[in-house]
Amino acid sequence: MQDELFTKPPEYTIDSCSLMAMFNDEPWTSKRTTPGLWERVSELIAVGTIISHAEVLAEIRKDGRKGEELFNWANANSTIFKPHDAQAEGAIIRSMSTKYKGFVNNYGKPSEAYADPWLIAQAKRRNLKIISQEKPGGNPRAPKLPNVCSDLAFSVKCLDLWELVSERGWIFR
């Protein structure tokens, strides 16, 4: 609890795909290409403005494709990945199941760790914005995270790294 005394309340929760975009060699989001982006995001993580969910950590640990550097960083910084709030988050996920059964059950990919419903539930419960590189789309049986976020029943803002840069007013030289 003492750590929380010196941090800001969280404003964002970050998805594994956004972390991957910074740890891998993505066009403009890579730590190697735009080190200032990672520095700013790291600062927000350090003060508690950006958190994530334990399910995102599970995704990173389970899927070696996400990269060794990200895996090592996530394990060294595991305190940003907040544990499940089974009662509150579970209730939100159950309410999602009515309309988004395929999304909640990770339609077509039952063996993978799957954080998306947990991220929405965490964001809804804590009034956070989700940082995700995922784009709207998918089929009606399995919509993408931004599609479910924009549903008026959940009304969770989902933004990508570019939109985060814009929202924060960051400039890189």
C-alpha atoms as a PDB file:
ATOM      1  CA  MET A   1       0.000   0.000   0.000  1.00  0.00           C
ATOM      2  CA  GLN A   2       2.887   2.388   0.661  1.00  0.00           C
ATOM      3  CA  ASP A   3       3.835   2.343  -3.058  1.00  0.00           C
ATOM      4  CA  GLU A   4       0.403   3.749  -3.841  1.00  0.00           C
ATOM      5  CA  LEU A   5       1.040   6.765  -1.597  1.00  0.00           C
ATOM      6  CA  PHE A   6       3.595   8.081  -4.056  1.00  0.00           C
ATOM      7  CA  THR A   7       1.810   7.353  -7.299  1.00  0.00           C
ATOM      8  CA  LYS A   8      -0.889   9.062  -9.300  1.00  0.00           C
ATOM      9  CA  PRO A   9      -4.232   7.347  -9.756  1.00  0.00           C
ATOM     10  CA  PRO A  10      -4.244   5.281 -12.919  1.00  0.00           C
ATOM     11  CA  GLU A  11      -5.709   6.822 -16.061  1.00  0.00           C
ATOM     12  CA  TYR A  12      -4.868   4.081 -18.546  1.00  0.00           C
ATOM     13  CA  THR A  13      -4.555   0.321 -18.810  1.00  0.00           C
ATOM     14  CA  ILE A  14      -2.278  -1.002 -21.564  1.00  0.00           C
ATOM     15  CA  ASP A  15      -2.800  -4.010 -23.797  1.00  0.00           C
ATOM     16  CA  SER A  16      -0.021  -6.429 -24.743  1.00  0.00           C
ATOM     17  CA  CYS A  17      -0.178  -5.357 -28.404  1.00  0.00           C
ATOM     18  CA  SER A  18       0.842  -1.795 -27.478  1.00  0.00           C
ATOM     19  CA  LEU A  19       3.715  -3.072 -25.366  1.00  0.00           C
ATOM     20  CA  MET A  20       4.723  -5.346 -28.250  1.00  0.00           C
ATOM     21  CA  ALA A  21       4.649  -2.387 -30.633  1.00  0.00           C
ATOM     22  CA  MET A  22       7.196  -0.587 -28.469  1.00  0.00           C
ATOM     23  CA  PHE A  23       9.398  -3.618 -27.774  1.00  0.00           C
ATOM     24  CA  ASN A  24       9.415  -4.904 -31.342  1.00  0.00           C
ATOM     25  CA  ASP A  25      10.546  -3.143 -34.482  1.00  0.00           C
ATOM     26  CA  GLU A  26       7.226  -1.582 -35.439  1.00  0.00           C
ATOM     27  CA  PRO A  27       7.462   1.352 -37.854  1.00  0.00           C
ATOM     28  CA  TRP A  28       7.253   4.367 -35.555  1.00  0.00           C
ATOM     29  CA  THR A  29       6.371   2.968 -32.122  1.00  0.00           C
ATOM     30  CA  SER A  30       9.542   0.940 -31.509  1.00  0.00           C
ATOM     31  CA  LYS A  31      11.816   1.929 -28.645  1.00  0.00           C
ATOM     32  CA  ARG A  32      14.621   1.877 -31.185  1.00  0.00           C
ATOM     33  CA  THR A  33      12.865   4.196 -33.650  1.00  0.00           C
ATOM     34  CA  THR A  34      11.136   6.539 -31.205  1.00  0.00           C
ATOM     35  CA  PRO A  35      12.905   6.210 -27.852  1.00  0.00           C
ATOM     36  CA  GLY A  36      11.068   9.288 -26.558  1.00  0.00           C
ATOM     37  CA  LEU A  37       7.750   7.449 -26.778  1.00  0.00           C
ATOM     38  CA  TRP A  38       9.006   4.624 -24.598  1.00  0.00           C
ATOM     39  CA  GLU A  39      10.578   7.117 -22.173  1.00  0.00           C
ATOM     40  CA  ARG A  40       7.251   8.954 -21.767  1.00  0.00           C
ATOM     41  CA  VAL A  41       5.235   5.744 -21.440  1.00  0.00           C
ATOM     42  CA  SER A  42       7.784   4.430 -18.914  1.00  0.00           C
ATOM     43  CA  GLU A  43       7.402   7.618 -16.870  1.00  0.00           C
ATOM     44  CA  LEU A  44       3.617   7.152 -16.783  1.00  0.00           C
ATOM     45  CA  ILE A  45       4.076   3.538 -15.743  1.00  0.00           C
ATOM     46  CA  ALA A  46       6.559   4.525 -13.020  1.00  0.00           C
ATOM     47  CA  VAL A  47       4.124   6.974 -11.420  1.00  0.00           C
ATOM     48  CA  GLY A  48       1.125   4.666 -11.741  1.00  0.00           C
ATOM     49  CA  THR A  49      -0.720   6.568 -14.486  1.00  0.00           C
ATOM     50  CA  ILE A  50      -0.496   3.501 -16.745  1.00  0.00           C
ATOM     51  CA  ILE A  51      -1.254   0.084 -15.328  1.00  0.00           C
ATOM     52  CA  SER A  52      -2.252  -3.192 -16.899  1.00  0.00           C
ATOM     53  CA  HIS A  53      -4.019  -6.402 -15.965  1.00  0.00           C
ATOM     54  CA  ALA A  54      -2.640  -9.710 -14.712  1.00  0.00           C
ATOM     55  CA  GLU A  55      -4.149 -11.309 -17.817  1.00  0.00           C
ATOM     56  CA  VAL A  56      -1.876  -9.166 -20.017  1.00  0.00           C
ATOM     57  CA  LEU A  57       1.110 -10.492 -18.074  1.00  0.00           C
ATOM     58  CA  ALA A  58      -0.231 -14.017 -18.629  1.00  0.00           C
ATOM     59  CA  GLU A  59      -0.403 -13.314 -22.390  1.00  0.00           C
ATOM     60  CA  ILE A  60       3.183 -12.075 -22.408  1.00  0.00           C
ATOM     61  CA  ARG A  61       4.418 -15.052 -20.402  1.00  0.00           C
ATOM     62  CA  LYS A  62       2.521 -17.612 -22.466  1.00  0.00           C
ATOM     63  CA  ASP A  63       3.362 -16.383 -25.937  1.00  0.00           C
ATOM     64  CA  GLY A  64       7.072 -16.367 -26.731  1.00  0.00           C
ATOM     65  CA  ARG A  65       6.305 -14.508 -29.985  1.00  0.00           C
ATOM     66  CA  LYS A  66       5.895 -11.343 -27.960  1.00  0.00           C
ATOM     67  CA  GLY A  67       9.655 -11.207 -27.547  1.00  0.00           C
ATOM     68  CA  GLU A  68      12.288 -11.969 -24.959  1.00  0.00           C
ATOM     69  CA  GLU A  69      12.956  -8.306 -24.130  1.00  0.00           C
ATOM     70  CA  LEU A  70       9.259  -7.685 -23.409  1.00  0.00           C
ATOM     71  CA  PHE A  71       9.039 -10.941 -21.454  1.00  0.00           C
ATOM     72  CA  ASN A  72      11.995  -9.909 -19.271  1.00  0.00           C
ATOM     73  CA  TRP A  73      10.686  -6.369 -18.798  1.00  0.00           C
ATOM     74  CA  ALA A  74       7.185  -7.589 -17.865  1.00  0.00           C
ATOM     75  CA  ASN A  75       8.540 -10.043 -15.312  1.00  0.00           C
ATOM     76  CA  ALA A  76      10.805  -7.369 -13.791  1.00  0.00           C
ATOM     77  CA  ASN A  77       7.860  -4.920 -13.636  1.00  0.00           C
ATOM     78  CA  SER A  78       5.107  -7.336 -12.662  1.00  0.00           C
ATOM     79  CA  THR A  79       3.625  -4.916 -10.106  1.00  0.00           C
ATOM     80  CA  ILE A  80       2.025  -2.849 -12.893  1.00  0.00           C
ATOM     81  CA  PHE A  81      -0.100  -5.877 -13.837  1.00  0.00           C
ATOM     82  CA  LYS A  82      -2.952  -5.613 -11.356  1.00  0.00           C
ATOM     83  CA  PRO A  83      -4.672  -8.756 -10.056  1.00  0.00           C
ATOM     84  CA  HIS A  84      -8.183  -9.839 -10.888  1.00  0.00           C
ATOM     85  CA  ASP A  85     -11.072  -8.306  -9.016  1.00  0.00           C
ATOM     86  CA  ALA A  86     -13.158 -11.424  -9.548  1.00  0.00           C
ATOM     87  CA  GLN A  87     -16.365 -10.006  -8.134  1.00  0.00           C
ATOM     88  CA  ALA A  88     -16.480  -6.571  -9.813  1.00  0.00           C
ATOM     89  CA  GLU A  89     -14.671  -7.445 -13.036  1.00  0.00           C
ATOM     90  CA  GLY A  90     -16.466 -10.783 -13.264  1.00  0.00           C
ATOM     91  CA  ALA A  91     -19.835  -9.015 -13.137  1.00  0.00           C
ATOM     92  CA  ILE A  92     -18.791  -6.733 -16.003  1.00  0.00           C
ATOM     93  CA  ILE A  93     -17.561  -9.673 -18.061  1.00  0.00           C
ATOM     94  CA  ARG A  94     -20.814 -11.556 -17.404  1.00  0.00           C
ATOM     95  CA  SER A  95     -22.721  -8.534 -18.707  1.00  0.00           C
ATOM     96  CA  MET A  96     -20.522  -8.599 -21.839  1.00  0.00           C
ATOM     97  CA  SER A  97     -21.324 -12.270 -22.394  1.00  0.00           C
ATOM     98  CA  THR A  98     -24.921 -11.546 -23.298  1.00  0.00           C
ATOM     99  CA  LYS A  99     -24.019  -9.585 -26.430  1.00  0.00           C
ATOM    100  CA  TYR A 100     -20.377 -10.554 -26.971  1.00  0.00           C
ATOM    101  CA  LYS A 101     -20.130 -14.251 -26.159  1.00  0.00           C
ATOM    102  CA  GLY A 102     -17.505 -14.851 -28.869  1.00  0.00           C
ATOM    103  CA  PHE A 103     -15.406 -11.960 -27.606  1.00  0.00           C
ATOM    104  CA  VAL A 104     -15.570 -13.090 -23.987  1.00  0.00           C
ATOM    105  CA  ASN A 105     -14.806 -16.692 -24.893  1.00  0.00           C
ATOM    106  CA  ASN A 106     -12.056 -15.765 -27.388  1.00  0.00           C
ATOM    107  CA  TYR A 107     -13.895 -17.322 -30.308  1.00  0.00           C
ATOM    108  CA  GLY A 108     -11.634 -19.563 -32.345  1.00  0.00           C
ATOM    109  CA  LYS A 109      -8.651 -19.374 -29.993  1.00  0.00           C
ATOM    110  CA  PRO A 110      -9.577 -21.244 -26.807  1.00  0.00           C
ATOM    111  CA  SER A 111      -6.031 -22.269 -25.880  1.00  0.00           C
ATOM    112  CA  GLU A 112      -4.462 -18.800 -25.735  1.00  0.00           C
ATOM    113  CA  ALA A 113      -4.238 -16.488 -22.755  1.00  0.00           C
ATOM    114  CA  TYR A 114      -6.803 -13.796 -23.414  1.00  0.00           C
ATOM    115  CA  ALA A 115      -6.818 -10.436 -21.673  1.00  0.00           C
ATOM    116  CA  ASP A 116      -9.262  -8.343 -23.724  1.00  0.00           C
ATOM    117  CA  PRO A 117     -12.444  -8.857 -21.640  1.00  0.00           C
ATOM    118  CA  TRP A 118     -10.418  -8.381 -18.455  1.00  0.00           C
ATOM    119  CA  LEU A 119      -8.932  -5.116 -19.772  1.00  0.00           C
ATOM    120  CA  ILE A 120     -12.402  -3.768 -20.533  1.00  0.00           C
ATOM    121  CA  ALA A 121     -13.660  -4.872 -17.123  1.00  0.00           C
ATOM    122  CA  GLN A 122     -10.667  -3.275 -15.386  1.00  0.00           C
ATOM    123  CA  ALA A 123     -11.086  -0.062 -17.377  1.00  0.00           C
ATOM    124  CA  LYS A 124     -14.824   0.101 -16.743  1.00  0.00           C
ATOM    125  CA  ARG A 125     -14.451  -0.606 -13.016  1.00  0.00           C
ATOM    126  CA  ARG A 126     -11.623   1.923 -12.529  1.00  0.00           C
ATOM    127  CA  ASN A 127     -12.781   4.491 -15.117  1.00  0.00           C
ATOM    128  CA  LEU A 128      -9.636   4.045 -17.239  1.00  0.00           C
ATOM    129  CA  LYS A 129      -8.842   4.388 -20.919  1.00  0.00           C
ATOM    130  CA  ILE A 130      -7.405   1.391 -22.758  1.00  0.00           C
ATOM    131  CA  ILE A 131      -4.217   1.764 -24.806  1.00  0.00           C
ATOM    132  CA  SER A 132      -4.332  -0.803 -27.605  1.00  0.00           C
ATOM    133  CA  GLN A 133      -2.980  -1.032 -31.127  1.00  0.00           C
ATOM    134  CA  GLU A 134      -5.912  -3.249 -32.057  1.00  0.00           C
ATOM    135  CA  LYS A 135      -8.154  -1.785 -34.749  1.00  0.00           C
ATOM    136  CA  PRO A 136     -11.946  -2.143 -34.908  1.00  0.00           C
ATOM    137  CA  GLY A 137     -13.211  -5.037 -36.955  1.00  0.00           C
ATOM    138  CA  GLY A 138     -13.582  -8.768 -36.640  1.00  0.00           C
ATOM    139  CA  ASN A 139     -16.622 -10.784 -37.390  1.00  0.00           C
ATOM    140  CA  PRO A 140     -19.882 -10.347 -35.469  1.00  0.00           C
ATOM    141  CA  ARG A 141     -19.226 -13.559 -33.535  1.00  0.00           C
ATOM    142  CA  ALA A 142     -15.848 -12.305 -32.344  1.00  0.00           C
ATOM    143  CA  PRO A 143     -15.542  -8.506 -32.455  1.00  0.00           C
ATOM    144  CA  LYS A 144     -12.307  -6.708 -31.658  1.00  0.00           C
ATOM    145  CA  LEU A 145     -11.561  -4.917 -28.391  1.00  0.00           C
ATOM    146  CA  PRO A 146     -12.286  -1.391 -29.773  1.00  0.00           C
ATOM    147  CA  ASN A 147     -15.704  -2.532 -31.009  1.00  0.00           C
ATOM    148  CA  VAL A 148     -16.740  -3.738 -27.555  1.00  0.00           C
ATOM    149  CA  CYS A 149     -15.232  -0.647 -25.880  1.00  0.00           C
ATOM    150  CA  SER A 150     -17.365   1.639 -28.026  1.00  0.00           C
ATOM    151  CA  ASP A 151     -20.598  -0.142 -27.085  1.00  0.00           C
ATOM    152  CA  LEU A 152     -22.670   2.325 -25.048  1.00  0.00           C
ATOM    153  CA  ALA A 153     -23.184  -0.315 -22.373  1.00  0.00           C
ATOM    154  CA  PHE A 154     -19.458  -0.217 -21.613  1.00  0.00           C
ATOM    155  CA  SER A 155     -18.348   3.210 -22.914  1.00  0.00           C
ATOM    156  CA  VAL A 156     -14.639   2.642 -22.413  1.00  0.00           C
ATOM    157  CA  LYS A 157     -12.333   4.879 -24.428  1.00  0.00           C
ATOM    158  CA  CYS A 158      -9.825   2.902 -26.462  1.00  0.00           C
ATOM    159  CA  LEU A 159      -6.868   4.729 -27.968  1.00  0.00           C
ATOM    160  CA  ASP A 160      -3.724   3.658 -29.766  1.00  0.00           C
ATOM    161  CA  LEU A 161      -0.226   4.943 -29.066  1.00  0.00           C
ATOM    162  CA  TRP A 162      -0.550   7.743 -31.637  1.00  0.00           C
ATOM    163  CA  GLU A 163      -3.758   8.935 -29.948  1.00  0.00           C
ATOM    164  CA  LEU A 164      -2.007   8.728 -26.550  1.00  0.00           C
ATOM    165  CA  VAL A 165       0.788  10.964 -27.887  1.00  0.00           C
ATOM    166  CA  SER A 166      -1.814  13.427 -29.121  1.00  0.00           C
ATOM    167  CA  GLU A 167      -3.901  13.322 -25.942  1.00  0.00           C
ATOM    168  CA  ARG A 168      -0.832  13.917 -23.747  1.00  0.00           C
ATOM    169  CA  GLY A 169       0.521  16.668 -26.039  1.00  0.00           C
ATOM    170  CA  TRP A 170       3.884  14.951 -26.409  1.00  0.00           C
ATOM    171  CA  ILE A 171       6.371  16.265 -28.953  1.00  0.00           C
ATOM    172  CA  PHE A 172       9.464  14.323 -30.032  1.00  0.00           C
ATOM    173  CA  ARG A 173      12.489  15.981 -31.574  1.00  0.00           C
END
